[in-house]
All heavy atoms as atom14 arrays in JSON, in Angstrom:
{
  "sequence": "FERSGNKKISLTPAGEMLLQYTDKLLDIYRELEYDMNLLIK",
  "atom14_mask": [
    [1, 1, 1, 1, 1, 1, 1, 1, 1, 1, 1, 0, 0, 0],
    [1, 1, 1, 1, 1, 1, 1, 1, 1, 0, 0, 0, 0, 0],
    [1, 1, 1, 1, 1, 1, 1, 1, 1, 1, 1, 0, 0, 0],
    [1, 1, 1, 1, 1, 1, 0, 0, 0, 0, 0, 0, 0, 0],
    [1, 1, 1, 1, 0, 0, 0, 0, 0, 0, 0, 0, 0, 0],
    [1, 1, 1, 1, 1, 1, 1, 1, 0, 0, 0, 0, 0, 0],
    [1, 1, 1, 1, 1, 1, 1, 1, 1, 0, 0, 0, 0, 0],
    [1, 1, 1, 1, 1, 1, 1, 1, 1, 0, 0, 0, 0, 0],
    [1, 1, 1, 1, 1, 1, 1, 1, 0, 0, 0, 0, 0, 0],
    [1, 1, 1, 1, 1, 1, 0, 0, 0, 0, 0, 0, 0, 0],
    [1, 1, 1, 1, 1, 1, 1, 1, 0, 0, 0, 0, 0, 0],
    [1, 1, 1, 1, 1, 1, 1, 0, 0, 0, 0, 0, 0, 0],
    [1, 1, 1, 1, 1, 1, 1, 0, 0, 0, 0, 0, 0, 0],
    [1, 1, 1, 1, 1, 0, 0, 0, 0, 0, 0, 0, 0, 0],
    [1, 1, 1, 1, 0, 0, 0, 0, 0, 0, 0, 0, 0, 0],
    [1, 1, 1, 1, 1, 1, 1, 1, 1, 0, 0, 0, 0, 0],
    [1, 1, 1, 1, 1, 1, 1, 1, 0, 0, 0, 0, 0, 0],
    [1, 1, 1, 1, 1, 1, 1, 1, 0, 0, 0, 0, 0, 0],
    [1, 1, 1, 1, 1, 1, 1, 1, 0, 0, 0, 0, 0, 0],
    [1, 1, 1, 1, 1, 1, 1, 1, 1, 0, 0, 0, 0, 0],
    [1, 1, 1, 1, 1, 1, 1, 1, 1, 1, 1, 1, 0, 0],
    [1, 1, 1, 1, 1, 1, 1, 0, 0, 0, 0, 0, 0, 0],
    [1, 1, 1, 1, 1, 1, 1, 1, 0, 0, 0, 0, 0, 0],
    [1, 1, 1, 1, 1, 1, 1, 1, 1, 0, 0, 0, 0, 0],
    [1, 1, 1, 1, 1, 1, 1, 1, 0, 0, 0, 0, 0, 0],
    [1, 1, 1, 1, 1, 1, 1, 1, 0, 0, 0, 0, 0, 0],
    [1, 1, 1, 1, 1, 1, 1, 1, 0, 0, 0, 0, 0, 0],
    [1, 1, 1, 1, 1, 1, 1, 1, 0, 0, 0, 0, 0, 0],
    [1, 1, 1, 1, 1, 1, 1, 1, 1, 1, 1, 1, 0, 0],
    [1, 1, 1, 1, 1, 1, 1, 1, 1, 1, 1, 0, 0, 0],
    [1, 1, 1, 1, 1, 1, 1, 1, 1, 0, 0, 0, 0, 0],
    [1, 1, 1, 1, 1, 1, 1, 1, 0, 0, 0, 0, 0, 0],
    [1, 1, 1, 1, 1, 1, 1, 1, 1, 0, 0, 0, 0, 0],
    [1, 1, 1, 1, 1, 1, 1, 1, 1, 1, 1, 1, 0, 0],
    [1, 1, 1, 1, 1, 1, 1, 1, 0, 0, 0, 0, 0, 0],
    [1, 1, 1, 1, 1, 1, 1, 1, 0, 0, 0, 0, 0, 0],
    [1, 1, 1, 1, 1, 1, 1, 1, 0, 0, 0, 0, 0, 0],
    [1, 1, 1, 1, 1, 1, 1, 1, 0, 0, 0, 0, 0, 0],
    [1, 1, 1, 1, 1, 1, 1, 1, 0, 0, 0, 0, 0, 0],
    [1, 1, 1, 1, 1, 1, 1, 1, 0, 0, 0, 0, 0, 0],
    [1, 1, 1, 1, 1, 1, 1, 1, 1, 0, 0, 0, 0, 0]
  ],
  "atom14_positions": [
    [[1.72, -2.07, -14.02], [2.52, -0.91, -14.45], [2.63, -0.98, -15.83], [2.65, -2.02, -16.69], [3.96, -1.02, -13.87], [4.01, -0.98, -12.37], [3.94, -2.15, -11.7], [4.0, 0.32, -11.74], [4.03, -2.06, -10.23], [4.07, 0.39, -10.35], [4.05, -0.96, -9.61], [0.0, 0.0, 0.0], [0.0, 0.0, 0.0], [0.0, 0.0, 0.0]],
    [[2.68, 0.27, -16.61], [3.04, 0.49, -17.91], [4.41, 0.82, -18.05], [4.96, 1.7, -17.32], [2.12, 1.56, -18.51], [0.58, 1.07, -18.6], [-0.15, 2.29, -19.17], [0.43, 3.52, -19.34], [-1.35, 2.13, -19.36], [0.0, 0.0, 0.0], [0.0, 0.0, 0.0], [0.0, 0.0, 0.0], [0.0, 0.0, 0.0], [0.0, 0.0, 0.0]],
    [[5.17, 0.09, -18.85], [6.53, 0.37, -19.17], [6.8, 1.0, -20.39], [6.38, 0.42, -21.5], [7.4, -0.94, -19.08], [7.47, -1.6, -17.6], [6.8, -3.02, -17.69], [6.99, -3.65, -16.41], [5.94, -4.24, -15.79], [4.74, -4.22, -16.27], [6.12, -4.89, -14.58], [0.0, 0.0, 0.0], [0.0, 0.0, 0.0], [0.0, 0.0, 0.0]],
    [[7.53, 2.17, -20.49], [7.8, 2.87, -21.75], [9.19, 2.63, -22.11], [10.04, 2.02, -21.33], [7.6, 4.41, -21.59], [8.42, 4.98, -20.51], [0.0, 0.0, 0.0], [0.0, 0.0, 0.0], [0.0, 0.0, 0.0], [0.0, 0.0, 0.0], [0.0, 0.0, 0.0], [0.0, 0.0, 0.0], [0.0, 0.0, 0.0], [0.0, 0.0, 0.0]],
    [[9.58, 2.88, -23.27], [10.93, 2.49, -23.76], [12.09, 3.12, -23.22], [13.21, 2.72, -23.2], [0.0, 0.0, 0.0], [0.0, 0.0, 0.0], [0.0, 0.0, 0.0], [0.0, 0.0, 0.0], [0.0, 0.0, 0.0], [0.0, 0.0, 0.0], [0.0, 0.0, 0.0], [0.0, 0.0, 0.0], [0.0, 0.0, 0.0], [0.0, 0.0, 0.0]],
    [[11.77, 4.39, -22.45], [12.97, 5.07, -21.72], [13.04, 4.53, -20.35], [13.62, 5.29, -19.43], [12.7, 6.55, -21.82], [11.43, 6.91, -21.22], [10.53, 6.09, -20.76], [11.13, 8.32, -21.24], [0.0, 0.0, 0.0], [0.0, 0.0, 0.0], [0.0, 0.0, 0.0], [0.0, 0.0, 0.0], [0.0, 0.0, 0.0], [0.0, 0.0, 0.0]],
    [[12.45, 3.42, -20.01], [12.59, 2.73, -18.7], [11.66, 3.36, -17.67], [11.79, 3.02, -16.49], [14.09, 2.68, -18.21], [15.06, 1.82, -19.07], [16.33, 1.7, -18.44], [17.23, 0.85, -19.31], [18.54, 0.64, -18.75], [0.0, 0.0, 0.0], [0.0, 0.0, 0.0], [0.0, 0.0, 0.0], [0.0, 0.0, 0.0], [0.0, 0.0, 0.0]],
    [[10.9, 4.29, -17.98], [9.97, 4.9, -17.08], [8.72, 3.95, -16.95], [8.41, 3.33, -17.8], [9.54, 6.34, -17.58], [10.66, 7.36, -17.38], [10.2, 8.8, -17.74], [11.2, 9.86, -17.5], [10.71, 11.25, -17.89], [0.0, 0.0, 0.0], [0.0, 0.0, 0.0], [0.0, 0.0, 0.0], [0.0, 0.0, 0.0], [0.0, 0.0, 0.0]],
    [[8.09, 4.06, -15.67], [6.98, 3.34, -15.47], [5.92, 4.18, -14.96], [6.09, 5.27, -14.29], [7.24, 2.15, -14.61], [7.67, 2.53, -13.17], [8.27, 1.23, -15.18], [7.76, 1.47, -12.2], [0.0, 0.0, 0.0], [0.0, 0.0, 0.0], [0.0, 0.0, 0.0], [0.0, 0.0, 0.0], [0.0, 0.0, 0.0], [0.0, 0.0, 0.0]],
    [[4.71, 3.75, -15.11], [3.49, 4.37, -14.54], [2.49, 3.3, -14.23], [2.54, 2.15, -14.67], [2.88, 5.46, -15.55], [2.51, 4.79, -16.73], [0.0, 0.0, 0.0], [0.0, 0.0, 0.0], [0.0, 0.0, 0.0], [0.0, 0.0, 0.0], [0.0, 0.0, 0.0], [0.0, 0.0, 0.0], [0.0, 0.0, 0.0], [0.0, 0.0, 0.0]],
    [[1.46, 3.62, -13.33], [0.52, 2.76, -12.86], [-0.65, 2.62, -13.84], [-1.11, 3.67, -14.35], [-0.14, 3.29, -11.53], [0.85, 3.08, -10.31], [0.23, 4.08, -9.21], [0.89, 1.6, -9.83], [0.0, 0.0, 0.0], [0.0, 0.0, 0.0], [0.0, 0.0, 0.0], [0.0, 0.0, 0.0], [0.0, 0.0, 0.0], [0.0, 0.0, 0.0]],
    [[-1.09, 1.45, -14.11], [-2.1, 1.23, -14.87], [-3.34, 1.47, -14.06], [-3.34, 1.71, -12.76], [-2.24, -0.25, -15.41], [-2.48, -1.09, -14.23], [-1.06, -0.63, -16.15], [0.0, 0.0, 0.0], [0.0, 0.0, 0.0], [0.0, 0.0, 0.0], [0.0, 0.0, 0.0], [0.0, 0.0, 0.0], [0.0, 0.0, 0.0], [0.0, 0.0, 0.0]],
    [[-4.72, 1.5, -14.53], [-5.81, 1.73, -13.72], [-5.98, 0.56, -12.74], [-6.33, 0.95, -11.56], [-7.04, 1.64, -14.83], [-6.38, 2.16, -15.99], [-4.99, 1.72, -15.98], [0.0, 0.0, 0.0], [0.0, 0.0, 0.0], [0.0, 0.0, 0.0], [0.0, 0.0, 0.0], [0.0, 0.0, 0.0], [0.0, 0.0, 0.0], [0.0, 0.0, 0.0]],
    [[-5.52, -0.54, -12.97], [-5.6, -1.65, -11.97], [-4.46, -1.35, -10.9], [-4.84, -1.7, -9.76], [-5.28, -3.1, -12.72], [0.0, 0.0, 0.0], [0.0, 0.0, 0.0], [0.0, 0.0, 0.0], [0.0, 0.0, 0.0], [0.0, 0.0, 0.0], [0.0, 0.0, 0.0], [0.0, 0.0, 0.0], [0.0, 0.0, 0.0], [0.0, 0.0, 0.0]],
    [[-3.37, -0.82, -11.43], [-2.37, -0.46, -10.4], [-2.81, 0.65, -9.37], [-2.46, 0.63, -8.25], [0.0, 0.0, 0.0], [0.0, 0.0, 0.0], [0.0, 0.0, 0.0], [0.0, 0.0, 0.0], [0.0, 0.0, 0.0], [0.0, 0.0, 0.0], [0.0, 0.0, 0.0], [0.0, 0.0, 0.0], [0.0, 0.0, 0.0], [0.0, 0.0, 0.0]],
    [[-3.49, 1.59, -10.0], [-4.04, 2.7, -9.14], [-4.97, 2.09, -8.06], [-5.0, 2.53, -6.98], [-4.69, 3.71, -10.06], [-3.85, 4.5, -10.95], [-3.18, 5.63, -10.25], [-3.26, 5.77, -9.04], [-2.45, 6.39, -11.04], [0.0, 0.0, 0.0], [0.0, 0.0, 0.0], [0.0, 0.0, 0.0], [0.0, 0.0, 0.0], [0.0, 0.0, 0.0]],
    [[-5.9, 1.25, -8.55], [-6.83, 0.67, -7.75], [-6.12, -0.21, -6.56], [-6.44, -0.07, -5.4], [-7.83, -0.18, -8.35], [-8.82, -0.83, -7.42], [-10.05, -1.92, -8.3], [-10.9, -0.7, -9.28], [0.0, 0.0, 0.0], [0.0, 0.0, 0.0], [0.0, 0.0, 0.0], [0.0, 0.0, 0.0], [0.0, 0.0, 0.0], [0.0, 0.0, 0.0]],
    [[-5.19, -1.03, -6.93], [-4.38, -1.84, -5.98], [-3.59, -0.9, -4.95], [-3.55, -1.22, -3.74], [-3.4, -2.67, -6.62], [-2.72, -3.6, -5.65], [-3.61, -4.58, -4.95], [-1.71, -4.61, -6.47], [0.0, 0.0, 0.0], [0.0, 0.0, 0.0], [0.0, 0.0, 0.0], [0.0, 0.0, 0.0], [0.0, 0.0, 0.0], [0.0, 0.0, 0.0]],
    [[-3.17, 0.24, -5.43], [-2.5, 1.1, -4.52], [-3.45, 1.73, -3.57], [-3.03, 1.8, -2.33], [-1.71, 2.3, -5.37], [-1.1, 3.36, -4.47], [0.03, 2.79, -3.63], [-0.58, 4.58, -5.42], [0.0, 0.0, 0.0], [0.0, 0.0, 0.0], [0.0, 0.0, 0.0], [0.0, 0.0, 0.0], [0.0, 0.0, 0.0], [0.0, 0.0, 0.0]],
    [[-4.63, 2.02, -3.87], [-5.58, 2.62, -2.94], [-5.9, 1.46, -1.78], [-5.88, 1.79, -0.65], [-6.9, 2.99, -3.61], [-6.75, 4.2, -4.47], [-7.96, 4.43, -5.33], [-9.1, 4.02, -4.87], [-7.9, 5.19, -6.39], [0.0, 0.0, 0.0], [0.0, 0.0, 0.0], [0.0, 0.0, 0.0], [0.0, 0.0, 0.0], [0.0, 0.0, 0.0]],
    [[-6.14, 0.3, -2.2], [-6.33, -0.74, -1.22], [-5.14, -1.01, -0.39], [-5.29, -1.42, 0.82], [-6.86, -2.01, -2.02], [-8.36, -2.05, -2.26], [-8.76, -1.65, -3.59], [-9.39, -2.3, -1.33], [-10.09, -1.68, -3.85], [-10.73, -2.24, -1.69], [-11.11, -1.78, -2.88], [-12.39, -1.88, -3.24], [0.0, 0.0, 0.0], [0.0, 0.0, 0.0]],
    [[-3.93, -1.04, -1.04], [-2.85, -1.34, -0.24], [-2.53, -0.22, 0.72], [-2.11, -0.53, 1.95], [-1.58, -1.37, -1.09], [-1.79, -2.37, -2.08], [-0.25, -1.85, -0.28], [0.0, 0.0, 0.0], [0.0, 0.0, 0.0], [0.0, 0.0, 0.0], [0.0, 0.0, 0.0], [0.0, 0.0, 0.0], [0.0, 0.0, 0.0], [0.0, 0.0, 0.0]],
    [[-2.83, 0.93, 0.46], [-2.8, 2.13, 1.51], [-3.74, 1.83, 2.7], [-3.21, 1.93, 3.85], [-3.14, 3.4, 0.77], [-1.95, 4.3, 0.37], [-0.99, 4.24, 1.14], [-2.06, 4.92, -0.61], [0.0, 0.0, 0.0], [0.0, 0.0, 0.0], [0.0, 0.0, 0.0], [0.0, 0.0, 0.0], [0.0, 0.0, 0.0], [0.0, 0.0, 0.0]],
    [[-4.85, 1.41, 2.38], [-5.78, 1.11, 3.45], [-5.29, -0.21, 4.33], [-5.37, -0.05, 5.51], [-7.22, 0.7, 2.94], [-7.85, 1.93, 2.26], [-9.14, 1.5, 1.65], [-9.8, 2.72, 0.92], [-11.08, 2.18, 0.18], [0.0, 0.0, 0.0], [0.0, 0.0, 0.0], [0.0, 0.0, 0.0], [0.0, 0.0, 0.0], [0.0, 0.0, 0.0]],
    [[-4.9, -1.08, 3.7], [-4.47, -2.34, 4.27], [-3.13, -2.01, 5.25], [-3.06, -2.47, 6.42], [-3.94, -3.49, 3.41], [-5.23, -4.21, 2.7], [-4.61, -4.94, 1.56], [-5.89, -4.93, 3.72], [0.0, 0.0, 0.0], [0.0, 0.0, 0.0], [0.0, 0.0, 0.0], [0.0, 0.0, 0.0], [0.0, 0.0, 0.0], [0.0, 0.0, 0.0]],
    [[-2.2, -1.24, 4.79], [-1.11, -0.69, 5.6], [-1.57, -0.03, 6.86], [-0.87, -0.25, 7.84], [-0.07, 0.08, 4.71], [0.76, -0.74, 3.69], [1.44, 0.19, 2.77], [1.77, -1.6, 4.5], [0.0, 0.0, 0.0], [0.0, 0.0, 0.0], [0.0, 0.0, 0.0], [0.0, 0.0, 0.0], [0.0, 0.0, 0.0], [0.0, 0.0, 0.0]],
    [[-2.52, 0.92, 6.57], [-3.16, 1.63, 7.79], [-3.66, 0.64, 8.85], [-3.49, 0.85, 10.0], [-4.09, 2.58, 7.36], [-3.61, 3.94, 6.71], [-2.4, 4.17, 6.85], [-4.34, 4.47, 5.99], [0.0, 0.0, 0.0], [0.0, 0.0, 0.0], [0.0, 0.0, 0.0], [0.0, 0.0, 0.0], [0.0, 0.0, 0.0], [0.0, 0.0, 0.0]],
    [[-4.45, -0.34, 8.32], [-4.97, -1.37, 9.36], [-3.97, -2.04, 10.04], [-3.86, -2.35, 11.22], [-5.88, -2.17, 8.5], [-7.19, -1.5, 8.03], [-6.31, -3.47, 9.43], [-8.0, -2.26, 7.12], [0.0, 0.0, 0.0], [0.0, 0.0, 0.0], [0.0, 0.0, 0.0], [0.0, 0.0, 0.0], [0.0, 0.0, 0.0], [0.0, 0.0, 0.0]],
    [[-2.82, -2.55, 9.28], [-1.77, -3.28, 9.99], [-0.96, -2.4, 11.01], [-0.55, -2.79, 12.04], [-0.76, -3.92, 8.89], [-1.35, -5.25, 8.46], [-2.09, -5.38, 7.37], [-0.88, -6.45, 9.05], [-2.62, -6.6, 6.95], [-1.4, -7.65, 8.73], [-2.11, -7.73, 7.63], [-2.58, -8.92, 7.14], [0.0, 0.0, 0.0], [0.0, 0.0, 0.0]],
    [[-0.78, -1.2, 10.6], [-0.08, -0.2, 11.57], [-0.91, -0.07, 12.85], [-0.39, -0.09, 13.97], [0.03, 1.17, 10.9], [1.33, 1.13, 9.99], [1.77, 2.62, 9.52], [0.78, 3.13, 8.6], [0.95, 3.09, 7.35], [2.07, 2.56, 6.75], [0.09, 3.6, 6.52], [0.0, 0.0, 0.0], [0.0, 0.0, 0.0], [0.0, 0.0, 0.0]],
    [[-2.2, 0.12, 12.7], [-3.11, 0.23, 13.78], [-3.11, -1.01, 14.6], [-3.08, -1.06, 15.84], [-4.53, 0.55, 13.33], [-4.73, 1.88, 12.86], [-4.25, 2.98, 13.73], [-4.74, 2.9, 14.98], [-3.56, 3.76, 13.45], [0.0, 0.0, 0.0], [0.0, 0.0, 0.0], [0.0, 0.0, 0.0], [0.0, 0.0, 0.0], [0.0, 0.0, 0.0]],
    [[-3.25, -2.17, 14.07], [-3.09, -3.47, 14.68], [-1.78, -3.53, 15.59], [-1.81, -4.05, 16.77], [-3.15, -4.56, 13.71], [-3.06, -6.02, 14.24], [-4.11, -6.38, 15.34], [-2.98, -7.06, 13.09], [0.0, 0.0, 0.0], [0.0, 0.0, 0.0], [0.0, 0.0, 0.0], [0.0, 0.0, 0.0], [0.0, 0.0, 0.0], [0.0, 0.0, 0.0]],
    [[-0.7, -3.27, 14.91], [0.6, -3.37, 15.68], [0.69, -2.33, 16.78], [1.05, -2.84, 17.82], [1.75, -3.1, 14.57], [3.13, -3.29, 15.23], [4.15, -2.82, 14.29], [3.93, -2.51, 13.1], [5.33, -3.03, 14.72], [0.0, 0.0, 0.0], [0.0, 0.0, 0.0], [0.0, 0.0, 0.0], [0.0, 0.0, 0.0], [0.0, 0.0, 0.0]],
    [[0.01, -1.18, 16.6], [0.01, -0.15, 17.68], [-0.77, -0.59, 18.83], [-0.31, -0.57, 20.03], [-0.48, 1.15, 17.08], [-0.74, 2.2, 18.04], [0.35, 2.91, 18.62], [-1.98, 2.78, 18.41], [0.24, 3.94, 19.44], [-2.13, 3.72, 19.24], [-1.01, 4.46, 19.83], [-1.16, 5.48, 20.74], [0.0, 0.0, 0.0], [0.0, 0.0, 0.0]],
    [[-2.0, -1.17, 18.59], [-2.89, -1.49, 19.6], [-2.41, -2.76, 20.36], [-2.51, -2.87, 21.65], [-4.3, -1.75, 18.99], [-5.04, -0.45, 18.74], [-4.65, 0.55, 19.37], [-5.94, -0.38, 17.86], [0.0, 0.0, 0.0], [0.0, 0.0, 0.0], [0.0, 0.0, 0.0], [0.0, 0.0, 0.0], [0.0, 0.0, 0.0], [0.0, 0.0, 0.0]],
    [[-1.82, -3.78, 19.66], [-1.26, -4.81, 20.38], [-0.13, -4.53, 21.23], [-0.1, -5.08, 22.31], [-0.78, -5.91, 19.25], [-1.99, -6.56, 18.42], [-3.09, -7.3, 19.51], [-2.15, -8.92, 19.76], [0.0, 0.0, 0.0], [0.0, 0.0, 0.0], [0.0, 0.0, 0.0], [0.0, 0.0, 0.0], [0.0, 0.0, 0.0], [0.0, 0.0, 0.0]],
    [[0.78, -3.64, 20.81], [1.8, -3.03, 21.66], [1.29, -2.41, 22.89], [1.89, -2.49, 23.94], [2.84, -2.22, 20.78], [3.63, -2.84, 19.87], [3.94, -4.11, 20.09], [4.07, -2.19, 18.83], [0.0, 0.0, 0.0], [0.0, 0.0, 0.0], [0.0, 0.0, 0.0], [0.0, 0.0, 0.0], [0.0, 0.0, 0.0], [0.0, 0.0, 0.0]],
    [[0.21, -1.7, 22.73], [-0.43, -0.99, 24.04], [-0.7, -2.1, 24.96], [-0.65, -1.73, 26.16], [-1.54, -0.18, 23.53], [-1.23, 1.09, 22.86], [-2.51, 1.92, 22.58], [-0.3, 2.08, 23.59], [0.0, 0.0, 0.0], [0.0, 0.0, 0.0], [0.0, 0.0, 0.0], [0.0, 0.0, 0.0], [0.0, 0.0, 0.0], [0.0, 0.0, 0.0]],
    [[-1.15, -3.16, 24.54], [-1.85, -4.22, 25.43], [-0.66, -4.78, 26.38], [-0.79, -5.28, 27.5], [-2.38, -5.32, 24.62], [-3.76, -5.03, 24.12], [-4.32, -6.18, 23.22], [-4.92, -4.77, 25.21], [0.0, 0.0, 0.0], [0.0, 0.0, 0.0], [0.0, 0.0, 0.0], [0.0, 0.0, 0.0], [0.0, 0.0, 0.0], [0.0, 0.0, 0.0]],
    [[0.64, -4.93, 25.65], [1.69, -5.64, 26.34], [2.62, -4.78, 26.98], [3.53, -5.25, 27.81], [2.34, -6.6, 25.53], [3.02, -5.89, 24.31], [1.37, -7.71, 24.93], [3.77, -6.78, 23.31], [0.0, 0.0, 0.0], [0.0, 0.0, 0.0], [0.0, 0.0, 0.0], [0.0, 0.0, 0.0], [0.0, 0.0, 0.0], [0.0, 0.0, 0.0]],
    [[2.61, -3.47, 26.85], [3.7, -2.56, 27.38], [3.17, -1.6, 28.42], [1.85, -1.23, 28.34], [4.29, -1.7, 26.16], [5.07, -2.42, 25.16], [5.71, -1.47, 24.22], [6.55, -2.12, 23.22], [7.11, -1.29, 22.25], [0.0, 0.0, 0.0], [0.0, 0.0, 0.0], [0.0, 0.0, 0.0], [0.0, 0.0, 0.0], [0.0, 0.0, 0.0]]
  ]
}
């Protein structure tokens, strides 16, 4: 994150990249949880 003097923050290029990968990881974990629940319910 880039921090400015007025307490506002923004994503750095590295932050943008990490956000893209985190989005994908969260989708995978949601799918995993969904499919595991289907097996037992």
